[in-house]
C-alpha atoms as a PDB file:
ATOM      1  CA  ASN A   1      22.838 120.157-137.834  1.00  0.00           C
ATOM      2  CA  ASP A   2      24.175 123.553-136.785  1.00  0.00           C
ATOM      3  CA  GLU A   3      22.725 124.853-133.550  1.00  0.00           C
ATOM      4  CA  GLY A   4      21.166 127.951-135.120  1.00  0.00           C
ATOM      5  CA  ILE A   5      18.715 125.986-137.250  1.00  0.00           C
ATOM      6  CA  GLY A   6      15.195 125.718-135.906  1.00  0.00           C
ATOM      7  CA  ARG A   7      15.706 128.177-133.040  1.00  0.00           C
ATOM      8  CA  ARG A   8      12.630 130.225-132.116  1.00  0.00           C
ATOM      9  CA  ILE A   9      12.593 133.160-129.698  1.00  0.00           C
ATOM     10  CA  GLN A  10       9.270 132.245-128.112  1.00  0.00           C
ATOM     11  CA  GLU A  11       9.126 128.491-127.840  1.00  0.00           C
ATOM     12  CA  ASP A  12       5.522 128.342-126.626  1.00  0.00           C
ATOM     13  CA  LYS A  13       4.022 130.484-129.385  1.00  0.00           C
ATOM     14  CA  VAL A  14       3.503 129.295-132.942  1.00  0.00           C
ATOM     15  CA  GLU A  15       2.349 131.868-135.472  1.00  0.00           C
ATOM     16  CA  PRO A  16       0.052 130.726-138.325  1.00  0.00           C
ATOM     17  CA  SER A  17       2.588 132.117-140.785  1.00  0.00           C
ATOM     18  CA  GLU A  18       5.122 129.559-139.521  1.00  0.00           C
ATOM     19  CA  ILE A  19       2.968 126.616-140.657  1.00  0.00           C
ATOM     20  CA  PHE A  20       3.265 125.259-144.197  1.00  0.00           C
ATOM     21  CA  SER A  21       0.605 122.749-145.307  1.00  0.00           C
ATOM     22  CA  PHE A  22       0.829 120.646-148.459  1.00  0.00           C
ATOM     23  CA  MET A  23      -0.617 117.553-150.137  1.00  0.00           C
ATOM     24  CA  SER A  24       1.693 114.638-150.874  1.00  0.00           C
ATOM     25  CA  HIS A  25       1.702 112.517-154.022  1.00  0.00           C
ATOM     26  CA  ASP A  26      -0.496 109.897-152.323  1.00  0.00           C
ATOM     27  CA  GLY A  27      -3.193 112.424-151.337  1.00  0.00           C
ATOM     28  CA  LYS A  28      -2.212 112.869-147.685  1.00  0.00           C
ATOM     29  CA  GLU A  29      -2.070 116.317-146.129  1.00  0.00           C
ATOM     30  CA  TYR A  30       0.932 117.339-144.052  1.00  0.00           C
ATOM     31  CA  SER A  31       1.776 120.435-142.014  1.00  0.00           C
ATOM     32  CA  ILE A  32       5.241 121.463-140.894  1.00  0.00           C
ATOM     33  CA  ASN A  33       6.663 124.380-138.942  1.00  0.00           C
ATOM     34  CA  VAL A  34       9.074 126.133-141.280  1.00  0.00           C
ATOM     35  CA  LEU A  35      11.221 127.350-138.359  1.00  0.00           C
ATOM     36  CA  ASP A  36      11.702 123.909-136.856  1.00  0.00           C
ATOM     37  CA  ASP A  37      11.785 121.700-139.962  1.00  0.00           C
ATOM     38  CA  VAL A  38      13.334 122.000-143.387  1.00  0.00           C
ATOM     39  CA  LEU A  39      12.367 120.305-146.632  1.00  0.00           C
ATOM     40  CA  TYR A  40      14.985 119.056-149.028  1.00  0.00           C
ATOM     41  CA  LEU A  41      14.752 117.396-152.420  1.00  0.00           C
ATOM     42  CA  THR A  42      16.663 114.180-153.118  1.00  0.00           C
ATOM     43  CA  ASP A  43      16.794 111.680-155.978  1.00  0.00           C
ATOM     44  CA  LEU A  44      14.669 113.716-158.421  1.00  0.00           C
ATOM     45  CA  ASP A  45      14.781 111.838-161.726  1.00  0.00           C
ATOM     46  CA  LEU A  46      16.429 114.178-164.239  1.00  0.00           C
ATOM     47  CA  VAL A  47      15.368 112.094-167.249  1.00  0.00           C
ATOM     48  CA  LYS A  48      11.696 112.101-166.286  1.00  0.00           C
ATOM     49  CA  HIS A  49      11.204 115.492-164.633  1.00  0.00           C
ATOM     50  CA  LEU A  50      13.963 117.747-166.022  1.00  0.00           C
ATOM     51  CA  PRO A  51      14.691 116.447-169.539  1.00  0.00           C
ATOM     52  CA  ALA A  52      16.234 119.741-170.710  1.00  0.00           C
ATOM     53  CA  LEU A  53      18.796 119.643-167.893  1.00  0.00           C
ATOM     54  CA  ASP A  54      19.442 115.955-168.569  1.00  0.00           C
ATOM     55  CA  GLY A  55      20.076 116.671-172.248  1.00  0.00           C
ATOM     56  CA  ASP A  56      22.376 119.576-171.403  1.00  0.00           C
ATOM     57  CA  LEU A  57      24.408 117.369-169.045  1.00  0.00           C
ATOM     58  CA  LYS A  58      24.850 114.603-171.618  1.00  0.00           C
ATOM     59  CA  ASP A  59      25.735 117.049-174.407  1.00  0.00           C
ATOM     60  CA  LYS A  60      28.298 119.106-172.483  1.00  0.00           C
ATOM     61  CA  PHE A  61      29.706 116.761-169.825  1.00  0.00           C
ATOM     62  CA  LYS A  62      33.438 116.258-170.448  1.00  0.00           C
ATOM     63  CA  LEU A  63      33.420 112.608-169.303  1.00  0.00           C
ATOM     64  CA  PRO A  64      30.397 111.010-171.026  1.00  0.00           C
ATOM     65  CA  GLY A  65      31.971 107.571-170.727  1.00  0.00           C
ATOM     66  CA  CYS A  66      31.541 107.811-166.946  1.00  0.00           C
ATOM     67  CA  LEU A  67      27.747 108.203-167.084  1.00  0.00           C
ATOM     68  CA  PRO A  68      25.390 105.208-166.590  1.00  0.00           C
ATOM     69  CA  GLY A  69      25.826 102.912-169.594  1.00  0.00           C
ATOM     70  CA  GLY A  70      28.779 104.946-170.889  1.00  0.00           C
ATOM     71  CA  ARG A  71      31.935 103.598-172.528  1.00  0.00           C
ATOM     72  CA  HIS A  72      33.647 102.940-169.180  1.00  0.00           C
ATOM     73  CA  CYS A  73      30.514 101.569-167.479  1.00  0.00           C
ATOM     74  CA  MET A  74      30.167  97.816-166.972  1.00  0.00           C
ATOM     75  CA  MET A  75      26.488  98.078-167.968  1.00  0.00           C
ATOM     76  CA  ASN A  76      27.164  99.433-171.475  1.00  0.00           C
ATOM     77  CA  GLY A  77      26.289  96.054-172.986  1.00  0.00           C
ATOM     78  CA  VAL A  78      22.861  96.038-171.307  1.00  0.00           C
ATOM     79  CA  ASN A  79      20.035  97.979-172.965  1.00  0.00           C
ATOM     80  CA  MET A  80      18.294 100.760-171.003  1.00  0.00           C
ATOM     81  CA  ASN A  81      15.191  98.639-170.343  1.00  0.00           C
ATOM     82  CA  GLY A  82      17.318  95.827-168.946  1.00  0.00           C
ATOM     83  CA  ARG A  83      19.243  97.785-166.318  1.00  0.00           C
ATOM     84  CA  PRO A  84      18.076  99.616-163.179  1.00  0.00           C
ATOM     85  CA  PHE A  85      17.730 103.392-163.313  1.00  0.00           C
ATOM     86  CA  MET A  86      20.819 105.012-161.790  1.00  0.00           C
ATOM     87  CA  GLY A  87      20.281 108.664-162.578  1.00  0.00           C
ATOM     88  CA  PRO A  88      21.282 111.341-163.154  1.00  0.00           C
ATOM     89  CA  ASN A  89      19.305 112.695-160.181  1.00  0.00           C
ATOM     90  CA  PHE A  90      18.802 116.234-158.948  1.00  0.00           C
ATOM     91  CA  TYR A  91      19.326 117.371-155.323  1.00  0.00           C
ATOM     92  CA  VAL A  92      18.335 120.607-153.565  1.00  0.00           C
ATOM     93  CA  THR A  93      19.380 120.603-149.912  1.00  0.00           C
ATOM     94  CA  PRO A  94      19.650 123.210-147.143  1.00  0.00           C
ATOM     95  CA  PRO A  95      22.984 124.089-145.527  1.00  0.00           C
ATOM     96  CA  ALA A  96      24.057 122.123-142.423  1.00  0.00           C
ATOM     97  CA  SER A  97      22.073 119.003-143.386  1.00  0.00           C
ATOM     98  CA  PHE A  98      24.139 115.869-143.863  1.00  0.00           C
ATOM     99  CA  THR A  99      24.113 112.276-145.033  1.00  0.00           C
ATOM    100  CA  HIS A 100      26.209 110.120-142.736  1.00  0.00           C
ATOM    101  CA  PHE A 101      28.519 107.304-143.764  1.00  0.00           C
ATOM    102  CA  HIS A 102      27.199 104.852-146.339  1.00  0.00           C
ATOM    103  CA  GLN A 103      28.283 102.999-149.475  1.00  0.00           C
ATOM    104  CA  ASP A 104      26.307 103.632-152.650  1.00  0.00           C
ATOM    105  CA  GLY A 105      24.168 100.735-153.827  1.00  0.00           C
ATOM    106  CA  HIS A 106      25.282  98.929-150.646  1.00  0.00           C
ATOM    107  CA  GLY A 107      28.781  98.769-152.093  1.00  0.00           C
ATOM    108  CA  THR A 108      27.927  97.570-155.605  1.00  0.00           C
ATOM    109  CA  VAL A 109      28.077 100.825-157.620  1.00  0.00           C
ATOM    110  CA  ASP A 110      30.335 103.803-158.260  1.00  0.00           C
ATOM    111  CA  SER A 111      28.882 107.304-158.124  1.00  0.00           C
ATOM    112  CA  GLY A 112      29.552 110.706-159.620  1.00  0.00           C
ATOM    113  CA  HIS A 113      28.604 113.938-157.851  1.00  0.00           C
ATOM    114  CA  ILE A 114      28.658 117.401-159.443  1.00  0.00           C
ATOM    115  CA  CYS A 115      28.233 120.410-157.168  1.00  0.00           C
ATOM    116  CA  LEU A 116      26.353 123.247-158.907  1.00  0.00           C
ATOM    117  CA  SER A 117      25.899 125.682-156.011  1.00  0.00           C
ATOM    118  CA  GLY A 118      26.753 125.717-152.329  1.00  0.00           C
ATOM    119  CA  SER A 119      29.550 123.468-151.074  1.00  0.00           C
ATOM    120  CA  ASN A 120      29.785 119.932-149.705  1.00  0.00           C
ATOM    121  CA  GLU A 121      32.021 118.858-146.838  1.00  0.00           C
ATOM    122  CA  VAL A 122      33.109 115.298-147.599  1.00  0.00           C
ATOM    123  CA  VAL A 123      34.835 112.465-145.760  1.00  0.00           C
ATOM    124  CA  MET A 124      35.722 109.368-147.793  1.00  0.00           C
ATOM    125  CA  LEU A 125      37.631 106.182-146.948  1.00  0.00           C
ATOM    126  CA  ARG A 126      39.477 103.746-149.170  1.00  0.00           C
ATOM    127  CA  ARG A 127      37.897 100.529-150.420  1.00  0.00           C
ATOM    128  CA  MET A 128      38.369  97.694-147.931  1.00  0.00           C
ATOM    129  CA  PRO A 129      36.883  94.376-146.670  1.00  0.00           C
ATOM    130  CA  GLU A 130      33.691  94.354-144.630  1.00  0.00           C
ATOM    131  CA  GLN A 131      35.374  93.719-141.266  1.00  0.00           C
ATOM    132  CA  HIS A 132      37.426  96.892-141.707  1.00  0.00           C
ATOM    133  CA  LYS A 133      34.340  98.841-142.796  1.00  0.00           C
ATOM    134  CA  LYS A 134      32.646  97.833-139.551  1.00  0.00           C
ATOM    135  CA  ARG A 135      35.703  98.894-137.580  1.00  0.00           C
ATOM    136  CA  ALA A 136      35.844 102.231-139.417  1.00  0.00           C
ATOM    137  CA  LEU A 137      32.142 102.866-138.714  1.00  0.00           C
ATOM    138  CA  TYR A 138      32.738 102.056-135.057  1.00  0.00           C
ATOM    139  CA  ILE A 139      35.436 104.726-134.946  1.00  0.00           C
ATOM    140  CA  LEU A 140      33.617 107.319-137.024  1.00  0.00           C
ATOM    141  CA  ASN A 141      30.319 106.816-135.185  1.00  0.00           C
ATOM    142  CA  GLY A 142      31.938 107.823-131.914  1.00  0.00           C
ATOM    143  CA  GLY A 143      32.928 104.440-130.503  1.00  0.00           C
ATOM    144  CA  ASP A 144      36.131 103.979-128.504  1.00  0.00           C
ATOM    145  CA  LYS A 145      36.775 100.656-126.779  1.00  0.00           C
ATOM    146  CA  ARG A 146      39.768 102.103-124.956  1.00  0.00           C
ATOM    147  CA  LYS A 147      37.539 104.674-123.252  1.00  0.00           C
ATOM    148  CA  GLY A 148      34.546 102.356-122.847  1.00  0.00           C
ATOM    149  CA  LYS A 149      32.449 104.450-125.226  1.00  0.00           C
ATOM    150  CA  ASN A 150      29.911 102.634-127.380  1.00  0.00           C
ATOM    151  CA  ARG A 151      29.167 103.683-130.918  1.00  0.00           C
ATOM    152  CA  SER A 152      25.694 104.691-132.095  1.00  0.00           C
ATOM    153  CA  THR A 153      23.298 102.139-133.569  1.00  0.00           C
ATOM    154  CA  TYR A 154      23.428 103.772-137.020  1.00  0.00           C
ATOM    155  CA  ASP A 155      23.643 101.196-139.838  1.00  0.00           C
ATOM    156  CA  GLY A 156      25.966 102.540-142.534  1.00  0.00           C
ATOM    157  CA  LEU A 157      26.370  99.296-144.504  1.00  0.00           C
ATOM    158  CA  TYR A 158      22.919  97.868-145.134  1.00  0.00           C
ATOM    159  CA  GLY A 159      20.547 100.761-144.433  1.00  0.00           C
ATOM    160  CA  PHE A 160      19.404 103.443-146.875  1.00  0.00           C
ATOM    161  CA  PRO A 161      21.317 106.716-146.394  1.00  0.00           C
ATOM    162  CA  HIS A 162      18.176 108.880-146.682  1.00  0.00           C
ATOM    163  CA  GLY A 163      15.809 106.417-144.997  1.00  0.00           C
ATOM    164  CA  ASP A 164      14.261 106.257-141.554  1.00  0.00           C
ATOM    165  CA  GLY A 165      14.817 103.646-138.889  1.00  0.00           C
ATOM    166  CA  LEU A 166      18.610 103.495-139.252  1.00  0.00           C
ATOM    167  CA  GLY A 167      19.267 104.224-135.610  1.00  0.00           C
ATOM    168  CA  GLU A 168      20.488 107.432-134.037  1.00  0.00           C
ATOM    169  CA  LYS A 169      22.760 109.266-136.440  1.00  0.00           C
ATOM    170  CA  PRO A 170      26.119 110.101-134.842  1.00  0.00           C
ATOM    171  CA  LEU A 171      27.794 113.483-134.891  1.00  0.00           C
ATOM    172  CA  TRP A 172      30.180 114.504-137.663  1.00  0.00           C
ATOM    173  CA  PRO A 173      33.648 112.896-137.263  1.00  0.00           C
ATOM    174  CA  SER A 174      36.203 114.553-135.039  1.00  0.00           C
ATOM    175  CA  HIS A 175      39.916 115.078-135.708  1.00  0.00           C
ATOM    176  CA  ASP A 176      40.646 112.203-133.313  1.00  0.00           C
ATOM    177  CA  ALA A 177      38.390 109.818-135.251  1.00  0.00           C
ATOM    178  CA  ILE A 178      40.020 110.771-138.551  1.00  0.00           C
ATOM    179  CA  GLN A 179      43.484 110.323-137.045  1.00  0.00           C
ATOM    180  CA  GLU A 180      42.560 106.873-135.734  1.00  0.00           C
ATOM    181  CA  CYS A 181      41.370 105.933-139.237  1.00  0.00           C
ATOM    182  CA  ARG A 182      44.735 107.053-140.608  1.00  0.00           C
ATOM    183  CA  GLU A 183      46.499 104.858-138.057  1.00  0.00           C
ATOM    184  CA  MET A 184      44.384 101.932-139.254  1.00  0.00           C
ATOM    185  CA  ASN A 185      45.463 102.672-142.881  1.00  0.00           C
ATOM    186  CA  TYR A 186      41.895 103.530-143.941  1.00  0.00           C
ATOM    187  CA  TYR A 187      43.286 106.589-145.780  1.00  0.00           C
ATOM    188  CA  PRO A 188      40.465 109.036-144.970  1.00  0.00           C
ATOM    189  CA  SER A 189      40.098 111.927-147.427  1.00  0.00           C
ATOM    190  CA  VAL A 190      38.719 115.098-145.817  1.00  0.00           C
ATOM    191  CA  PHE A 191      37.892 117.859-148.302  1.00  0.00           C
ATOM    192  CA  ILE A 192      35.280 120.365-149.517  1.00  0.00           C
ATOM    193  CA  LEU A 193      33.585 119.930-152.898  1.00  0.00           C
ATOM    194  CA  LYS A 194      32.980 123.393-154.336  1.00  0.00           C
ATOM    195  CA  PRO A 195      30.651 124.648-157.129  1.00  0.00           C
ATOM    196  CA  GLY A 196      31.743 123.388-160.540  1.00  0.00           C
ATOM    197  CA  GLN A 197      33.699 120.444-159.101  1.00  0.00           C
ATOM    198  CA  LEU A 198      33.106 116.716-159.605  1.00  0.00           C
ATOM    199  CA  VAL A 199      34.000 113.813-157.327  1.00  0.00           C
ATOM    200  CA  HIS A 200      34.034 110.147-158.357  1.00  0.00           C
ATOM    201  CA  ILE A 201      33.356 107.728-155.492  1.00  0.00           C
ATOM    202  CA  ASN A 202      34.565 104.233-156.263  1.00  0.00           C
ATOM    203  CA  LYS A 203      32.305 101.304-155.388  1.00  0.00           C
ATOM    204  CA  GLY A 204      32.499 100.035-151.814  1.00  0.00           C
ATOM    205  CA  ARG A 205      34.004 103.256-150.375  1.00  0.00           C
ATOM    206  CA  LEU A 206      32.342 104.565-147.224  1.00  0.00           C
ATOM    207  CA  HIS A 207      31.678 108.295-147.480  1.00  0.00           C
ATOM    208  CA  ALA A 208      29.630 111.086-145.890  1.00  0.00           C
ATOM    209  CA  PHE A 209      28.390 114.467-147.157  1.00  0.00           C
ATOM    210  CA  ARG A 210      27.509 117.587-145.184  1.00  0.00           C
ATOM    211  CA  LYS A 211      26.235 120.821-146.738  1.00  0.00           C
ATOM    212  CA  LEU A 212      28.431 123.758-145.810  1.00  0.00           C
ATOM    213  CA  SER A 213      27.031 126.493-143.572  1.00  0.00           C
ATOM    214  CA  PRO A 214      28.921 129.730-142.773  1.00  0.00           C
ATOM    215  CA  THR A 215      28.588 129.204-139.011  1.00  0.00           C
ATOM    216  CA  ALA A 216      31.766 128.324-137.112  1.00  0.00           C
ATOM    217  CA  LEU A 217      32.391 124.698-136.146  1.00  0.00           C
ATOM    218  CA  PRO A 218      33.820 123.416-132.853  1.00  0.00           C
ATOM    219  CA  ALA A 219      37.584 122.984-132.999  1.00  0.00           C
ATOM    220  CA  SER A 220      37.219 119.203-132.656  1.00  0.00           C
ATOM    221  CA  ASP A 221      35.256 118.898-135.933  1.00  0.00           C
ATOM    222  CA  CYS A 222      37.407 117.466-138.724  1.00  0.00           C
ATOM    223  CA  HIS A 223      36.233 120.186-141.140  1.00  0.00           C
ATOM    224  CA  ALA A 224      36.639 123.127-138.745  1.00  0.00           C
ATOM    225  CA  ALA A 225      39.801 124.551-140.324  1.00  0.00           C
ATOM    226  CA  LEU A 226      38.733 123.848-143.919  1.00  0.00           C
ATOM    227  CA  ARG A 227      35.375 125.553-143.410  1.00  0.00           C
ATOM    228  CA  SER A 228      36.883 128.559-141.668  1.00  0.00           C
ATOM    229  CA  GLU A 229      39.426 129.001-144.475  1.00  0.00           C
ATOM    230  CA  LEU A 230      36.808 128.741-147.247  1.00  0.00           C
ATOM    231  CA  VAL A 231      34.300 131.062-145.540  1.00  0.00           C
ATOM    232  CA  GLU A 232      37.014 133.694-145.108  1.00  0.00           C
ATOM    233  CA  LYS A 233      38.543 133.285-148.568  1.00  0.00           C
ATOM    234  CA  ALA A 234      35.212 133.265-150.444  1.00  0.00           C
ATOM    235  CA  ALA A 235      33.658 135.896-148.133  1.00  0.00           C
ATOM    236  CA  ILE A 236      30.615 133.696-147.464  1.00  0.00           C
ATOM    237  CA  GLN A 237      28.301 135.670-145.185  1.00  0.00           C
ATOM    238  CA  LYS A 238      24.942 133.950-145.600  1.00  0.00           C
ATOM    239  CA  GLU A 239      23.668 130.430-146.053  1.00  0.00           C
ATOM    240  CA  GLN A 240      23.585 129.036-149.579  1.00  0.00           C
ATOM    241  CA  ILE A 241      21.183 126.403-150.867  1.00  0.00           C
ATOM    242  CA  CYS A 242      23.136 123.422-152.160  1.00  0.00           C
ATOM    243  CA  VAL A 243      22.235 122.138-155.635  1.00  0.00           C
ATOM    244  CA  SER A 244      23.843 119.007-157.039  1.00  0.00           C
ATOM    245  CA  VAL A 245      23.517 116.401-159.777  1.00  0.00           C
ATOM    246  CA  ALA A 246      24.572 112.827-159.016  1.00  0.00           C
ATOM    247  CA  TRP A 247      24.357 109.386-160.591  1.00  0.00           C
ATOM    248  CA  ASP A 248      25.433 105.792-160.008  1.00  0.00           C
ATOM    249  CA  TRP A 249      27.296 103.596-162.477  1.00  0.00           C
ATOM    250  CA  LEU A 250      29.709 100.638-162.614  1.00  0.00           C
ATOM    251  CA  TYR A 251      33.284 101.533-163.495  1.00  0.00           C
ATOM    252  CA  GLN A 252      34.700  98.508-165.356  1.00  0.00           C
ATOM    253  CA  GLY A 253      38.400  99.379-165.245  1.00  0.00           C
ATOM    254  CA  VAL A 254      40.924  99.668-168.093  1.00  0.00           C
ATOM    255  CA  THR A 255      43.796  97.241-167.517  1.00  0.00           C
ATOM    256  CA  SER A 256      43.246  93.519-166.924  1.00  0.00           C
ATOM    257  CA  GLU A 257      44.242  93.933-163.273  1.00  0.00           C
ATOM    258  CA  GLY A 258      41.930  96.921-162.856  1.00  0.00           C
ATOM    259  CA  ILE A 259      38.989  95.144-164.484  1.00  0.00           C
ATOM    260  CA  ASN A 260      39.545  92.173-162.176  1.00  0.00           C
ATOM    261  CA  ARG A 261      39.542  94.417-159.073  1.00  0.00           C
ATOM    262  CA  GLU A 262      36.308  96.156-160.094  1.00  0.00           C
ATOM    263  CA  ILE A 263      34.503  92.898-160.892  1.00  0.00           C
ATOM    264  CA  VAL A 264      35.640  91.179-157.687  1.00  0.00           C
ATOM    265  CA  SER A 265      34.609  94.179-155.579  1.00  0.00           C
ATOM    266  CA  THR A 266      31.048  94.446-156.889  1.00  0.00           C
ATOM    267  CA  LEU A 267      30.502  90.661-156.833  1.00  0.00           C
ATOM    268  CA  GLU A 268      31.714  90.460-153.236  1.00  0.00           C
ATOM    269  CA  CYS A 269      29.397  93.267-152.094  1.00  0.00           C
ATOM    270  CA  ALA A 270      26.487  91.675-153.969  1.00  0.00           C
ATOM    271  CA  ARG A 271      27.186  88.383-152.179  1.00  0.00           C
ATOM    272  CA  LEU A 272      27.210  90.115-148.787  1.00  0.00           C
ATOM    273  CA  ASN A 273      23.962  91.898-149.629  1.00  0.00           C
ATOM    274  CA  ARG A 274      22.249  88.586-150.342  1.00  0.00           C
ATOM    275  CA  LYS A 275      23.580  87.287-147.033  1.00  0.00           C
ATOM    276  CA  HIS A 276      21.983  90.263-145.243  1.00  0.00           C
ATOM    277  CA  TYR A 277      18.763  90.098-147.294  1.00  0.00           C
ATOM    278  CA  THR A 278      19.516  93.478-148.851  1.00  0.00           C
ATOM    279  CA  GLN A 279      18.874  94.287-152.500  1.00  0.00           C
ATOM    280  CA  SER A 280      21.857  95.414-154.556  1.00  0.00           C
ATOM    281  CA  LEU A 281      21.460  98.325-156.921  1.00  0.00           C
ATOM    282  CA  ALA A 282      23.916  96.922-159.450  1.00  0.00           C
ATOM    283  CA  ILE A 283      23.339  93.917-161.722  1.00  0.00           C
ATOM    284  CA  PRO A 284      26.917  92.603-161.847  1.00  0.00           C
ATOM    285  CA  GLU A 285      26.188  89.091-163.124  1.00  0.00           C
ATOM    286  CA  THR A 286      23.980  90.324-165.982  1.00  0.00           C
ATOM    287  CA  SER A 287      26.471  93.073-166.818  1.00  0.00           C
ATOM    288  CA  LEU A 288      29.345  90.567-166.930  1.00  0.00           C
ATOM    289  CA  LEU A 289      27.489  88.249-169.315  1.00  0.00           C
ATOM    290  CA  HIS A 290      26.654  91.077-171.719  1.00  0.00           C
ATOM    291  CA  MET A 291      30.156  92.533-171.435  1.00  0.00           C
ATOM    292  CA  ALA A 292      31.699  89.125-172.240  1.00  0.00           C
ATOM    293  CA  ARG A 293      29.380  88.720-175.227  1.00  0.00           C
ATOM    294  CA  ARG A 294      30.378  92.157-176.522  1.00  0.00           C
ATOM    295  CA  PHE A 295      34.110  91.427-176.141  1.00  0.00           C
ATOM    296  CA  VAL A 296      33.745  88.069-177.950  1.00  0.00           C
ATOM    297  CA  ALA A 297      31.845  89.726-180.800  1.00  0.00           C
ATOM    298  CA  GLN A 298      34.470  92.468-181.040  1.00  0.00           C
ATOM    299  CA  HIS A 299      37.295  89.885-181.078  1.00  0.00           C
ATOM    300  CA  GLU A 300      35.566  87.859-183.806  1.00  0.00           C
ATOM    301  CA  GLN A 301      35.070  91.024-185.860  1.00  0.00           C
ATOM    302  CA  ASP A 302      38.757  91.935-185.507  1.00  0.00           C
ATOM    303  CA  MET A 303      39.799  88.418-186.541  1.00  0.00           C
ATOM    304  CA  ALA A 304      37.539  88.529-189.579  1.00  0.00           C
ATOM    305  CA  THR A 305      38.918  91.923-190.583  1.00  0.00           C
ATOM    306  CA  ASN A 306      42.508  90.695-190.288  1.00  0.00           C
ATOM    307  CA  ASP A 307      41.720  87.569-192.341  1.00  0.00           C
ATOM    308  CA  ALA A 308      40.159  89.732-195.044  1.00  0.00           C
ATOM    309  CA  LYS A 309      43.276  91.885-195.182  1.00  0.00           C
ATOM    310  CA  ASP A 310      45.491  88.787-195.542  1.00  0.00           C
ATOM    311  CA  CYS A 311      43.426  87.637-198.508  1.00  0.00           C
ATOM    312  CA  LEU A 312      43.752  90.883-200.468  1.00  0.00           C
ATOM    313  CA  PRO A 313      45.350  90.290-203.914  1.00  0.00           C
ATOM    314  CA  LEU A 314      48.813  91.693-204.469  1.00  0.00           C
ATOM    315  CA  LEU A 315      48.882  94.352-207.184  1.00  0.00           C
END
């Protein structure tokens, strides 16, 4: 987080007005200091809690086939009660907070992310085998064998990105780490997702999000120049709450080669998850069976239609 967050002038004095007390869903009472801690909302079910917003998204979204169960989703042959809930979800997060490197659904699902307000600083790598993912995390988590520097213990492959107990989260990647990833042909994409923009994150791609704050970054930070340029160009003078809508889905591909790549990728990640006793979010085997059944039914219907046309009497 940025250094200005949580700073109090008198460290030894806590005013009653700084304490916020609330009751959780399970009846437990909690108290936090609003100067030292921040609350943020993640994974709020749009369908259950904000049905009007969910309906508006589905009615006006320009790519409905890319939503869960849509035309381009591998799960479109599975009924809603037979597939896991994958959103859309609602997010309200403070500036400077971040989610470090992870792969959605432990590598088994694609994701879509729409930024409604605020901006997101993003780093994303290409899809690659697990041994290269581990090497990339070693680099991005601050490790450098040449300098005898060990990486942090953060688990970016089989932990939950918003969970506890993942180990010490490393700092945001530096220019040197990004350059080393380029040299390894990991093709890192470093960009800022602005309000009104959408990013599609293909399954198995390591990525990290950080909410933009107007404070200056150290020159070594990989987003230092991009942030400085945006803050100056957009005249951002105060912190903005970041609001986003995101969902998971399974892109099935279009061409035969593309479909094969998508199926192999999700099946491989599901196999690795079982090996590490980690639950996959996707249901690739079930989706494949229903998708095959749908294609067979469609082929049989096309054949029957063609046969009927051949039997039409000549007038």
